[in-house]
């Protein structure tokens, strides 16, 4: 497996080859990365970890060249055509699904509208019946009041007749008592 390094946001892979001027190299013993200044593998900024001395050259075999990993290959025209065809199919499928959903929503709204109209007709019918019942109750209430008034008048007349009948009975009794000895 190829070992990789990320330096300054760029990914590099290790390659075993002769370094060229400007290449980045990694020391195999300690992993320190430096840049090659000339073809004799003169390097800068590398200090030997064992001795602390600045090292100017590294022999071949003690370093690996770091090569930037190529960006992904460009897509070909055929790949672009295939992507376009797939996207076109997907758009067509989505439009078909959207139309079906729109038709379903339209049908559902029609059903809801019909149900609301039926409900409104039933409400109007119930309101009409309620109005008739209310008018009937008002009529009956008026009749009850009229009958109550008539019954009260009849009671008063009956009471008056009872009073007159009692007076007449009293008068008849009084006349009987007075005329009892005359015959």
N, C-alpha and C. Protein backbone atom coordinates (compact mmCIF):
# COMPACT_ATOMS: atom_id res chain seq x y z
N UNK A 1 0.85 -1.17 0.00
CA UNK A 1 0.00 0.00 0.00
C UNK A 1 0.90 1.24 0.00
N UNK A 2 0.55 2.20 -0.84
CA UNK A 2 1.33 3.43 -0.97
C UNK A 2 1.03 4.35 0.20
N UNK A 3 2.08 4.87 0.79
CA UNK A 3 1.93 5.78 1.92
C UNK A 3 1.68 7.19 1.39
N UNK A 4 0.75 7.93 2.03
CA UNK A 4 0.43 9.29 1.58
C UNK A 4 0.71 10.29 2.68
N UNK A 5 0.91 11.56 2.28
CA UNK A 5 1.16 12.68 3.20
C UNK A 5 0.33 13.86 2.71
N UNK A 6 -0.21 14.63 3.65
CA UNK A 6 -0.93 15.85 3.28
C UNK A 6 -0.08 17.02 3.76
N UNK A 7 0.34 17.87 2.80
CA UNK A 7 1.20 19.01 3.11
C UNK A 7 0.57 20.23 2.45
N UNK A 8 0.21 21.22 3.27
CA UNK A 8 -0.37 22.45 2.73
C UNK A 8 -1.66 22.20 1.97
N UNK A 9 -2.45 21.21 2.39
CA UNK A 9 -3.72 20.92 1.76
C UNK A 9 -3.61 20.08 0.50
N UNK A 10 -2.39 19.70 0.12
CA UNK A 10 -2.17 18.87 -1.07
C UNK A 10 -1.77 17.47 -0.60
N UNK A 11 -2.37 16.44 -1.22
CA UNK A 11 -2.05 15.06 -0.87
C UNK A 11 -0.94 14.56 -1.80
N UNK A 12 0.10 13.95 -1.15
CA UNK A 12 1.24 13.41 -1.89
C UNK A 12 1.34 11.92 -1.62
N UNK A 13 1.88 11.17 -2.59
CA UNK A 13 2.17 9.75 -2.37
C UNK A 13 3.68 9.56 -2.47
N UNK A 14 4.18 8.56 -1.71
CA UNK A 14 5.61 8.26 -1.73
C UNK A 14 5.93 7.42 -2.96
N UNK A 15 7.02 7.79 -3.63
CA UNK A 15 7.46 7.07 -4.83
C UNK A 15 8.96 6.81 -4.69
N UNK A 16 9.42 5.59 -5.01
CA UNK A 16 10.85 5.25 -4.93
C UNK A 16 11.48 5.53 -6.30
N UNK A 17 12.04 6.74 -6.46
CA UNK A 17 12.74 7.12 -7.69
C UNK A 17 13.76 8.18 -7.34
N UNK A 18 14.60 8.52 -8.31
CA UNK A 18 15.60 9.58 -8.12
C UNK A 18 14.89 10.92 -8.03
N UNK A 19 15.30 11.74 -7.10
CA UNK A 19 14.69 13.05 -6.92
C UNK A 19 15.21 14.02 -7.96
N UNK A 20 14.37 14.99 -8.32
CA UNK A 20 14.76 16.06 -9.24
C UNK A 20 14.69 17.36 -8.46
N UNK A 21 15.29 18.38 -9.00
CA UNK A 21 15.31 19.68 -8.34
C UNK A 21 13.87 20.18 -8.16
N UNK A 22 13.52 20.64 -6.95
CA UNK A 22 12.18 21.14 -6.64
C UNK A 22 11.25 20.08 -6.07
N UNK A 23 11.65 18.76 -6.16
CA UNK A 23 10.81 17.71 -5.57
C UNK A 23 10.82 17.80 -4.06
N UNK A 24 9.74 17.34 -3.48
CA UNK A 24 9.69 17.18 -2.02
C UNK A 24 10.07 15.73 -1.76
N UNK A 25 10.90 15.52 -0.72
CA UNK A 25 11.30 14.16 -0.35
C UNK A 25 11.06 13.98 1.14
N UNK A 26 10.87 12.69 1.53
CA UNK A 26 10.70 12.36 2.93
C UNK A 26 11.83 11.40 3.31
N UNK A 27 12.51 11.66 4.43
CA UNK A 27 13.59 10.79 4.91
C UNK A 27 12.94 9.53 5.47
N UNK A 28 13.43 8.34 5.04
CA UNK A 28 12.77 7.09 5.41
C UNK A 28 12.93 6.75 6.88
N UNK A 29 14.01 7.23 7.54
CA UNK A 29 14.21 6.89 8.95
C UNK A 29 13.33 7.69 9.90
N UNK A 30 13.19 9.00 9.65
CA UNK A 30 12.47 9.83 10.62
C UNK A 30 11.23 10.53 10.06
N UNK A 31 10.96 10.44 8.76
CA UNK A 31 9.74 11.01 8.18
C UNK A 31 9.76 12.50 7.98
N UNK A 32 10.93 13.13 8.09
CA UNK A 32 11.02 14.58 7.89
C UNK A 32 10.96 14.88 6.40
N UNK A 33 10.12 15.89 6.04
CA UNK A 33 9.94 16.26 4.64
C UNK A 33 10.77 17.50 4.34
N UNK A 34 11.54 17.45 3.24
CA UNK A 34 12.34 18.60 2.80
C UNK A 34 12.20 18.74 1.29
N UNK A 35 12.79 19.84 0.76
CA UNK A 35 12.73 20.09 -0.68
C UNK A 35 14.12 19.98 -1.27
N UNK A 36 14.21 19.36 -2.46
CA UNK A 36 15.50 19.14 -3.15
C UNK A 36 15.90 20.44 -3.83
N UNK A 37 17.21 20.84 -3.60
CA UNK A 37 17.69 22.09 -4.20
C UNK A 37 18.49 21.84 -5.47
N UNK A 38 19.16 20.68 -5.60
CA UNK A 38 19.81 20.35 -6.86
C UNK A 38 19.80 18.85 -7.05
N UNK A 39 20.19 18.42 -8.26
CA UNK A 39 20.06 17.03 -8.64
C UNK A 39 20.89 16.10 -7.77
N UNK A 40 21.90 16.56 -7.13
CA UNK A 40 22.69 15.70 -6.25
C UNK A 40 21.98 15.46 -4.94
N UNK A 41 20.71 15.74 -4.88
CA UNK A 41 19.85 15.60 -3.72
C UNK A 41 20.39 16.42 -2.56
N UNK A 42 20.70 17.68 -2.89
CA UNK A 42 21.01 18.64 -1.84
C UNK A 42 19.68 19.08 -1.28
N UNK A 43 19.62 19.11 0.01
CA UNK A 43 18.35 19.44 0.65
C UNK A 43 18.52 20.63 1.56
N UNK A 44 17.43 21.21 1.97
CA UNK A 44 17.52 22.32 2.92
C UNK A 44 16.60 22.03 4.10
N UNK A 45 16.99 22.50 5.26
CA UNK A 45 16.15 22.41 6.44
C UNK A 45 16.09 21.04 7.06
N UNK A 46 17.14 20.19 6.87
CA UNK A 46 17.11 18.87 7.49
C UNK A 46 18.28 18.78 8.45
N UNK A 47 17.99 18.39 9.69
CA UNK A 47 19.01 18.20 10.71
C UNK A 47 18.98 16.74 11.08
N UNK A 48 20.17 16.14 11.17
CA UNK A 48 20.27 14.72 11.52
C UNK A 48 19.83 14.56 12.97
N UNK A 49 18.83 13.71 13.21
CA UNK A 49 18.34 13.55 14.57
C UNK A 49 19.37 12.92 15.51
N UNK A 50 20.34 12.13 14.98
CA UNK A 50 21.31 11.46 15.85
C UNK A 50 22.43 12.39 16.28
N UNK A 51 22.89 13.25 15.34
CA UNK A 51 24.05 14.09 15.66
C UNK A 51 23.68 15.54 15.86
N UNK A 52 22.54 15.97 15.33
CA UNK A 52 22.13 17.37 15.45
C UNK A 52 22.79 18.23 14.38
N UNK A 53 23.59 17.62 13.47
CA UNK A 53 24.25 18.39 12.41
C UNK A 53 23.28 18.60 11.25
N UNK A 54 23.50 19.76 10.55
CA UNK A 54 22.68 20.02 9.37
C UNK A 54 23.18 19.15 8.24
N UNK A 55 22.26 18.46 7.58
CA UNK A 55 22.61 17.55 6.49
C UNK A 55 22.34 18.27 5.18
N UNK A 56 23.30 18.17 4.27
CA UNK A 56 23.16 18.85 2.98
C UNK A 56 22.73 17.87 1.91
N UNK A 57 23.16 16.61 1.99
CA UNK A 57 22.83 15.61 0.99
C UNK A 57 22.31 14.35 1.67
N UNK A 58 21.36 13.67 0.95
CA UNK A 58 20.88 12.37 1.40
C UNK A 58 21.13 11.42 0.25
N UNK A 59 21.67 10.28 0.56
CA UNK A 59 21.95 9.28 -0.47
C UNK A 59 20.66 8.61 -0.92
N UNK A 60 20.69 8.16 -2.20
CA UNK A 60 19.53 7.45 -2.74
C UNK A 60 19.29 6.21 -1.90
N UNK A 61 18.00 5.90 -1.66
CA UNK A 61 17.62 4.77 -0.83
C UNK A 61 17.27 5.20 0.58
N UNK A 62 17.68 6.42 0.97
CA UNK A 62 17.34 6.94 2.30
C UNK A 62 16.21 7.97 2.24
N UNK A 63 15.65 8.13 1.07
CA UNK A 63 14.54 9.06 0.92
C UNK A 63 13.53 8.48 -0.07
N UNK A 64 12.33 9.06 -0.05
CA UNK A 64 11.28 8.74 -1.03
C UNK A 64 10.80 10.08 -1.58
N UNK A 65 10.56 10.12 -2.86
CA UNK A 65 10.04 11.33 -3.50
C UNK A 65 8.53 11.40 -3.25
N UNK A 66 8.05 12.60 -2.97
CA UNK A 66 6.61 12.81 -2.76
C UNK A 66 6.03 13.43 -4.03
N UNK A 67 5.11 12.71 -4.65
CA UNK A 67 4.45 13.21 -5.87
C UNK A 67 2.99 13.56 -5.52
N UNK A 68 2.54 14.72 -6.02
CA UNK A 68 1.13 15.05 -5.77
C UNK A 68 0.23 14.02 -6.45
N UNK A 69 -0.83 13.64 -5.77
CA UNK A 69 -1.77 12.69 -6.35
C UNK A 69 -2.60 13.44 -7.39
N UNK A 70 -2.72 12.84 -8.56
CA UNK A 70 -3.46 13.47 -9.66
C UNK A 70 -4.91 13.67 -9.25
N UNK A 71 -5.49 14.78 -9.69
CA UNK A 71 -6.92 14.97 -9.43
C UNK A 71 -7.70 13.91 -10.20
N UNK A 72 -8.96 13.68 -9.85
CA UNK A 72 -9.74 12.65 -10.54
C UNK A 72 -9.78 12.96 -12.04
N UNK A 73 -9.76 11.90 -12.85
CA UNK A 73 -9.73 12.13 -14.30
C UNK A 73 -11.02 12.83 -14.76
N UNK A 74 -10.85 13.62 -15.81
CA UNK A 74 -11.99 14.33 -16.38
C UNK A 74 -12.96 13.32 -16.98
N UNK A 75 -14.26 13.65 -16.90
CA UNK A 75 -15.25 12.74 -17.46
C UNK A 75 -15.28 12.90 -18.98
N UNK A 76 -15.58 11.83 -19.62
CA UNK A 76 -15.63 11.84 -21.08
C UNK A 76 -17.00 12.28 -21.55
N UNK A 77 -17.11 12.52 -22.83
CA UNK A 77 -18.38 12.94 -23.43
C UNK A 77 -19.44 11.87 -23.23
N UNK A 78 -19.06 10.60 -23.38
CA UNK A 78 -20.02 9.51 -23.18
C UNK A 78 -20.56 9.51 -21.75
N UNK A 79 -19.67 9.74 -20.78
CA UNK A 79 -20.11 9.78 -19.39
C UNK A 79 -21.06 10.95 -19.17
N UNK A 80 -20.74 12.11 -19.78
CA UNK A 80 -21.61 13.27 -19.65
C UNK A 80 -22.97 13.00 -20.29
N UNK A 81 -22.96 12.33 -21.45
CA UNK A 81 -24.22 11.99 -22.11
C UNK A 81 -25.04 11.03 -21.24
N UNK A 82 -24.37 10.06 -20.62
CA UNK A 82 -25.08 9.11 -19.75
C UNK A 82 -25.66 9.84 -18.53
N UNK A 83 -24.89 10.75 -17.95
CA UNK A 83 -25.37 11.53 -16.80
C UNK A 83 -26.58 12.36 -17.22
N UNK A 84 -26.48 13.01 -18.40
CA UNK A 84 -27.59 13.82 -18.90
C UNK A 84 -28.82 12.97 -19.13
N UNK A 85 -28.65 11.78 -19.72
CA UNK A 85 -29.78 10.88 -19.97
C UNK A 85 -30.42 10.45 -18.65
N UNK A 86 -29.58 10.11 -17.66
CA UNK A 86 -30.11 9.70 -16.35
C UNK A 86 -30.89 10.85 -15.70
N UNK A 87 -30.33 12.06 -15.79
CA UNK A 87 -31.01 13.20 -15.21
C UNK A 87 -32.32 13.49 -15.94
N UNK A 88 -32.30 13.33 -17.28
CA UNK A 88 -33.52 13.55 -18.06
C UNK A 88 -34.60 12.54 -17.67
N UNK A 89 -34.20 11.27 -17.51
CA UNK A 89 -35.16 10.24 -17.07
C UNK A 89 -35.70 10.58 -15.69
N UNK A 90 -34.83 11.02 -14.82
CA UNK A 90 -35.25 11.35 -13.46
C UNK A 90 -36.24 12.52 -13.47
N UNK A 91 -35.95 13.55 -14.29
CA UNK A 91 -36.85 14.70 -14.40
C UNK A 91 -38.20 14.23 -14.94
N UNK A 92 -38.19 13.38 -15.97
CA UNK A 92 -39.43 12.85 -16.56
C UNK A 92 -40.23 12.09 -15.50
N UNK A 93 -39.53 11.22 -14.73
CA UNK A 93 -40.22 10.45 -13.68
C UNK A 93 -40.81 11.38 -12.62
N UNK A 94 -40.05 12.41 -12.24
CA UNK A 94 -40.54 13.35 -11.23
C UNK A 94 -41.73 14.15 -11.76
N UNK A 95 -41.68 14.54 -13.04
CA UNK A 95 -42.81 15.27 -13.63
C UNK A 95 -44.05 14.38 -13.68
N UNK A 96 -43.88 13.11 -14.03
CA UNK A 96 -45.00 12.18 -14.07
C UNK A 96 -45.58 12.00 -12.66
N UNK A 97 -44.70 11.82 -11.68
CA UNK A 97 -45.15 11.66 -10.29
C UNK A 97 -45.86 12.94 -9.82
N UNK A 98 -45.31 14.10 -10.20
CA UNK A 98 -45.90 15.38 -9.83
C UNK A 98 -47.29 15.51 -10.45
N UNK A 99 -47.47 15.12 -11.72
CA UNK A 99 -48.77 15.18 -12.38
C UNK A 99 -49.76 14.27 -11.67
N UNK A 100 -49.32 13.05 -11.32
CA UNK A 100 -50.20 12.11 -10.63
C UNK A 100 -50.63 12.70 -9.29
N UNK A 101 -49.68 13.27 -8.55
CA UNK A 101 -50.02 13.87 -7.26
C UNK A 101 -50.96 15.06 -7.45
N UNK A 102 -50.71 15.88 -8.50
CA UNK A 102 -51.57 17.02 -8.77
C UNK A 102 -52.99 16.55 -9.10
N UNK A 103 -53.09 15.47 -9.92
CA UNK A 103 -54.41 14.91 -10.25
C UNK A 103 -55.12 14.38 -9.00
N UNK A 104 -54.35 13.69 -8.14
CA UNK A 104 -54.93 13.18 -6.89
C UNK A 104 -55.44 14.32 -6.02
N UNK A 105 -54.65 15.39 -5.93
CA UNK A 105 -55.05 16.54 -5.11
C UNK A 105 -56.30 17.18 -5.71
N UNK A 106 -56.35 17.32 -7.05
CA UNK A 106 -57.51 17.91 -7.70
C UNK A 106 -58.75 17.07 -7.45
N UNK A 107 -58.61 15.75 -7.57
CA UNK A 107 -59.75 14.86 -7.33
C UNK A 107 -60.21 14.95 -5.87
N UNK A 108 -59.25 14.97 -4.95
CA UNK A 108 -59.58 15.06 -3.53
C UNK A 108 -60.27 16.39 -3.23
N UNK A 109 -59.78 17.47 -3.84
CA UNK A 109 -60.42 18.77 -3.63
C UNK A 109 -61.84 18.77 -4.18
N UNK A 110 -62.06 18.10 -5.32
CA UNK A 110 -63.40 17.99 -5.88
C UNK A 110 -64.32 17.25 -4.93
N UNK A 111 -63.83 16.14 -4.38
CA UNK A 111 -64.62 15.36 -3.42
C UNK A 111 -64.94 16.19 -2.18
N UNK A 112 -63.96 16.90 -1.69
CA UNK A 112 -64.16 17.74 -0.50
C UNK A 112 -65.19 18.83 -0.81
N UNK A 113 -65.08 19.44 -2.01
CA UNK A 113 -66.02 20.48 -2.40
C UNK A 113 -67.44 19.93 -2.46
N UNK A 114 -67.60 18.73 -3.05
CA UNK A 114 -68.94 18.10 -3.11
C UNK A 114 -69.48 17.85 -1.71
N UNK A 115 -68.63 17.33 -0.83
CA UNK A 115 -69.06 17.07 0.55
C UNK A 115 -69.45 18.36 1.26
N UNK A 116 -68.70 19.43 1.02
CA UNK A 116 -69.03 20.70 1.65
C UNK A 116 -70.36 21.25 1.13
N UNK A 117 -70.62 21.08 -0.17
CA UNK A 117 -71.90 21.52 -0.73
C UNK A 117 -73.05 20.73 -0.12
N UNK A 118 -72.89 19.40 0.00
CA UNK A 118 -73.92 18.57 0.63
C UNK A 118 -74.15 19.02 2.07
N UNK A 119 -73.06 19.27 2.77
CA UNK A 119 -73.17 19.72 4.16
C UNK A 119 -73.93 21.05 4.23
N UNK A 120 -73.60 21.98 3.32
CA UNK A 120 -74.27 23.28 3.31
C UNK A 120 -75.77 23.11 3.03
N UNK A 121 -76.11 22.20 2.09
CA UNK A 121 -77.53 21.96 1.81
C UNK A 121 -78.24 21.39 3.04
N UNK A 122 -77.58 20.47 3.73
CA UNK A 122 -78.18 19.89 4.94
C UNK A 122 -78.34 20.96 6.02
N UNK A 123 -77.34 21.82 6.14
CA UNK A 123 -77.43 22.91 7.13
C UNK A 123 -78.60 23.82 6.78
N UNK A 124 -78.72 24.17 5.48
CA UNK A 124 -79.85 25.02 5.06
C UNK A 124 -81.18 24.33 5.36
N UNK A 125 -81.26 23.01 5.09
CA UNK A 125 -82.48 22.26 5.35
C UNK A 125 -82.81 22.26 6.85
N UNK A 126 -81.80 22.01 7.67
CA UNK A 126 -82.01 21.99 9.12
C UNK A 126 -82.41 23.39 9.61
N UNK A 127 -81.75 24.42 9.06
CA UNK A 127 -82.11 25.78 9.47
C UNK A 127 -83.55 26.09 9.08
N UNK A 128 -83.98 25.63 7.86
CA UNK A 128 -85.36 25.83 7.44
C UNK A 128 -86.34 25.14 8.38
N UNK A 129 -86.04 23.90 8.72
CA UNK A 129 -86.90 23.16 9.66
C UNK A 129 -86.93 23.83 11.02
N UNK A 130 -85.76 24.29 11.46
CA UNK A 130 -85.67 24.97 12.76
C UNK A 130 -86.51 26.24 12.75
N UNK A 131 -86.48 26.97 11.64
CA UNK A 131 -87.30 28.18 11.52
C UNK A 131 -88.78 27.82 11.60
N UNK A 132 -89.18 26.75 10.89
CA UNK A 132 -90.58 26.30 10.94
C UNK A 132 -90.98 25.92 12.36
N UNK A 133 -90.13 25.17 13.04
CA UNK A 133 -90.42 24.75 14.41
C UNK A 133 -90.51 25.97 15.32
N UNK A 134 -89.58 26.91 15.14
CA UNK A 134 -89.60 28.12 15.97
C UNK A 134 -90.89 28.91 15.74
N UNK A 135 -91.25 29.06 14.45
CA UNK A 135 -92.50 29.76 14.15
C UNK A 135 -93.70 29.02 14.74
N UNK A 136 -93.69 27.68 14.64
CA UNK A 136 -94.77 26.87 15.22
C UNK A 136 -94.84 27.05 16.72
N UNK A 137 -93.68 27.08 17.37
CA UNK A 137 -93.66 27.27 18.83
C UNK A 137 -94.18 28.65 19.21
N UNK A 138 -93.80 29.66 18.41
CA UNK A 138 -94.31 31.01 18.70
C UNK A 138 -95.83 31.05 18.52
N UNK A 139 -96.33 30.40 17.47
CA UNK A 139 -97.77 30.34 17.23
C UNK A 139 -98.47 29.64 18.40
N UNK A 140 -97.91 28.49 18.81
CA UNK A 140 -98.49 27.75 19.94
C UNK A 140 -98.43 28.57 21.22
N UNK A 141 -97.36 29.31 21.41
CA UNK A 141 -97.23 30.14 22.59
C UNK A 141 -98.30 31.23 22.59
N UNK A 142 -98.49 31.85 21.40
CA UNK A 142 -99.56 32.85 21.29
C UNK A 142 -100.92 32.22 21.59
N UNK A 143 -101.19 31.02 21.03
CA UNK A 143 -102.46 30.33 21.27
C UNK A 143 -102.62 30.00 22.75
N UNK A 144 -101.54 29.55 23.39
CA UNK A 144 -101.60 29.23 24.81
C UNK A 144 -101.94 30.47 25.61
N UNK A 145 -101.29 31.58 25.27
CA UNK A 145 -101.59 32.83 25.98
C UNK A 145 -103.05 33.23 25.77
N UNK A 146 -103.56 33.11 24.55
CA UNK A 146 -104.94 33.46 24.24
C UNK A 146 -105.90 32.55 25.01
N UNK A 147 -105.58 31.21 24.98
CA UNK A 147 -106.43 30.25 25.70
C UNK A 147 -106.39 30.50 27.20
N UNK A 148 -105.23 30.83 27.70
CA UNK A 148 -105.09 31.12 29.13
C UNK A 148 -105.94 32.33 29.49
N UNK A 149 -105.89 33.34 28.64
CA UNK A 149 -106.72 34.54 28.85
C UNK A 149 -108.20 34.17 28.83
N UNK A 150 -108.62 33.35 27.84
CA UNK A 150 -110.02 32.94 27.73
C UNK A 150 -110.44 32.11 28.94
N UNK A 151 -109.59 31.19 29.36
CA UNK A 151 -109.91 30.35 30.52
C UNK A 151 -110.09 31.23 31.75
N UNK A 152 -109.21 32.20 31.93
CA UNK A 152 -109.34 33.10 33.09
C UNK A 152 -110.64 33.89 33.02
N UNK A 153 -111.01 34.35 31.85
CA UNK A 153 -112.29 35.08 31.70
C UNK A 153 -113.48 34.17 32.03
N UNK A 154 -113.41 32.94 31.53
CA UNK A 154 -114.49 31.98 31.80
C UNK A 154 -114.57 31.70 33.29
N UNK A 155 -113.43 31.56 33.93
CA UNK A 155 -113.42 31.32 35.39
C UNK A 155 -114.08 32.49 36.11
N UNK A 156 -113.75 33.71 35.68
CA UNK A 156 -114.35 34.89 36.33
C UNK A 156 -115.87 34.88 36.14
N UNK A 157 -116.32 34.56 34.92
CA UNK A 157 -117.76 34.53 34.66
C UNK A 157 -118.43 33.43 35.47
N UNK A 158 -117.75 32.25 35.54
CA UNK A 158 -118.31 31.15 36.34
C UNK A 158 -118.39 31.59 37.79
N UNK A 159 -117.36 32.27 38.29
CA UNK A 159 -117.38 32.76 39.68
C UNK A 159 -118.52 33.75 39.87
N UNK A 160 -118.69 34.65 38.89
CA UNK A 160 -119.79 35.62 38.98
C UNK A 160 -121.14 34.91 38.98
N UNK A 161 -121.28 33.91 38.09
CA UNK A 161 -122.53 33.15 38.02
C UNK A 161 -122.75 32.40 39.33
N UNK A 162 -121.68 31.80 39.87
CA UNK A 162 -121.80 31.11 41.17
C UNK A 162 -122.27 32.09 42.25
N UNK A 163 -121.68 33.27 42.24
CA UNK A 163 -122.06 34.27 43.26
C UNK A 163 -123.54 34.64 43.09
N UNK A 164 -123.96 34.87 41.84
CA UNK A 164 -125.37 35.24 41.58
C UNK A 164 -126.30 34.08 41.95
N UNK A 165 -125.85 32.84 41.61
CA UNK A 165 -126.67 31.67 41.93
C UNK A 165 -126.82 31.56 43.44
N UNK A 166 -125.79 31.81 44.19
CA UNK A 166 -125.87 31.74 45.66
C UNK A 166 -126.80 32.82 46.18
N UNK A 167 -126.71 33.99 45.59
CA UNK A 167 -127.60 35.06 46.04
C UNK A 167 -129.05 34.70 45.73
N UNK A 168 -129.27 34.15 44.55
CA UNK A 168 -130.62 33.75 44.18
C UNK A 168 -131.12 32.64 45.12
N UNK A 169 -130.28 31.70 45.44
CA UNK A 169 -130.67 30.62 46.34
C UNK A 169 -130.99 31.22 47.71
N UNK A 170 -130.16 32.15 48.13
CA UNK A 170 -130.41 32.80 49.42
C UNK A 170 -131.76 33.55 49.38
N UNK A 171 -132.01 34.23 48.25
CA UNK A 171 -133.28 34.97 48.11
C UNK A 171 -134.47 33.99 48.11
N UNK A 172 -134.32 32.85 47.42
CA UNK A 172 -135.38 31.85 47.36
C UNK A 172 -135.61 31.31 48.76
N UNK A 173 -134.58 31.03 49.50
CA UNK A 173 -134.73 30.51 50.86
C UNK A 173 -135.41 31.57 51.71
N UNK A 174 -135.04 32.78 51.57
CA UNK A 174 -135.63 33.86 52.36
C UNK A 174 -137.11 34.01 51.99
N UNK A 175 -137.43 33.95 50.74
CA UNK A 175 -138.82 34.05 50.31
C UNK A 175 -139.61 32.85 50.80
N UNK A 176 -139.04 31.68 50.80
CA UNK A 176 -139.72 30.49 51.30
C UNK A 176 -140.02 30.66 52.78
N UNK A 177 -139.10 31.18 53.49
CA UNK A 177 -139.31 31.35 54.93
C UNK A 177 -140.42 32.38 55.15
N UNK A 178 -140.51 33.39 54.42
CA UNK A 178 -141.50 34.44 54.61
C UNK A 178 -142.87 33.97 54.12
N UNK A 179 -142.87 33.17 53.09
CA UNK A 179 -144.16 32.76 52.54
C UNK A 179 -144.60 31.45 53.15
N UNK A 180 -143.99 30.91 54.02
CA UNK A 180 -144.31 29.62 54.61
C UNK A 180 -145.64 29.72 55.40
N UNK A 181 -145.86 30.55 56.02
CA UNK A 181 -147.08 30.65 56.81
C UNK A 181 -148.21 31.28 56.03
N UNK A 182 -148.13 31.75 54.92
CA UNK A 182 -149.18 32.41 54.18
C UNK A 182 -150.03 31.42 53.41
N UNK A 183 -149.77 30.46 53.16
CA UNK A 183 -150.60 29.55 52.37
C UNK A 183 -151.39 28.67 53.20
